[in-house]
Amino acid sequence: MEKIKIKQIRSAIKNLKKQKLTLYALGLRGIGKEVVHENTPSIKGMISKVNHLVEVNKL
């Protein structure tokens, strides 16, 4: 599997609770934080729910 780097670029304040929990589940705890995950269907689905808050790059 290829890996992807996910960076939080916007705040979770004033967003739905589900979106906040999705960011937390991805391992993102604040603006500017980055995590690396494998490009699996479950991670893709989580990213699609919060795509307006994150930036995704392939490694």
Protein backbone atom coordinates (compact mmCIF):
# COMPACT_ATOMS: atom_id res chain seq x y z
CA MET A 1 0.00 0.00 0.00
CA GLU A 2 1.11 3.52 -0.65
CA LYS A 3 1.24 6.03 2.16
CA ILE A 4 -0.39 9.44 2.30
CA LYS A 5 0.41 12.45 4.46
CA ILE A 6 -2.57 14.30 5.91
CA LYS A 7 -2.18 17.83 7.28
CA GLN A 8 -4.86 19.79 9.11
CA ILE A 9 -5.08 23.26 7.56
CA ARG A 10 -8.29 24.63 9.10
CA SER A 11 -9.81 24.66 12.56
CA ALA A 12 -12.50 22.21 13.65
CA ILE A 13 -14.32 24.92 15.61
CA LYS A 14 -17.87 25.55 14.35
CA ASN A 15 -17.97 22.19 12.55
CA LEU A 16 -20.17 19.21 13.25
CA LYS A 17 -19.23 16.93 16.12
CA LYS A 18 -18.85 14.00 13.72
CA GLN A 19 -16.25 15.96 11.77
CA LYS A 20 -14.34 16.81 14.95
CA LEU A 21 -14.34 13.14 15.94
CA THR A 22 -13.17 12.14 12.46
CA LEU A 23 -10.18 14.48 12.74
CA TYR A 24 -9.42 13.03 16.17
CA ALA A 25 -9.66 9.47 14.77
CA LEU A 26 -7.21 10.39 12.00
CA GLY A 27 -4.78 11.56 14.69
CA LEU A 28 -5.06 15.28 13.94
CA ARG A 29 -5.15 17.40 17.08
CA GLY A 30 -4.70 20.93 15.71
CA ILE A 31 -3.86 23.20 12.80
CA GLY A 32 -0.50 22.38 11.23
CA LYS A 33 -0.32 18.84 12.59
CA GLU A 34 0.59 16.08 10.14
CA VAL A 35 0.06 12.32 10.20
CA VAL A 36 0.97 9.51 7.82
CA HIS A 37 -1.50 6.73 7.03
CA GLU A 38 -1.77 3.95 4.51
CA ASN A 39 -4.12 4.71 1.61
CA THR A 40 -6.97 2.37 2.57
CA PRO A 41 -10.67 2.73 1.72
CA SER A 42 -11.54 3.54 5.35
CA ILE A 43 -8.97 6.35 5.51
CA LYS A 44 -10.18 7.69 2.13
CA GLY A 45 -13.73 7.80 3.48
CA MET A 46 -12.63 9.68 6.59
CA ILE A 47 -10.70 12.17 4.47
CA SER A 48 -13.71 12.75 2.22
CA LYS A 49 -15.80 13.74 5.26
CA VAL A 50 -13.31 16.41 6.33
CA ASN A 51 -11.72 17.35 2.99
CA HIS A 52 -12.42 21.04 3.62
CA LEU A 53 -10.25 20.93 6.76
CA VAL A 54 -7.27 18.88 5.55
CA GLU A 55 -4.65 18.73 2.82
CA VAL A 56 -3.54 15.35 1.43
CA ASN A 57 -0.21 14.52 -0.23
CA LYS A 58 1.10 11.20 -1.51
CA LEU A 59 4.49 10.02 -0.30
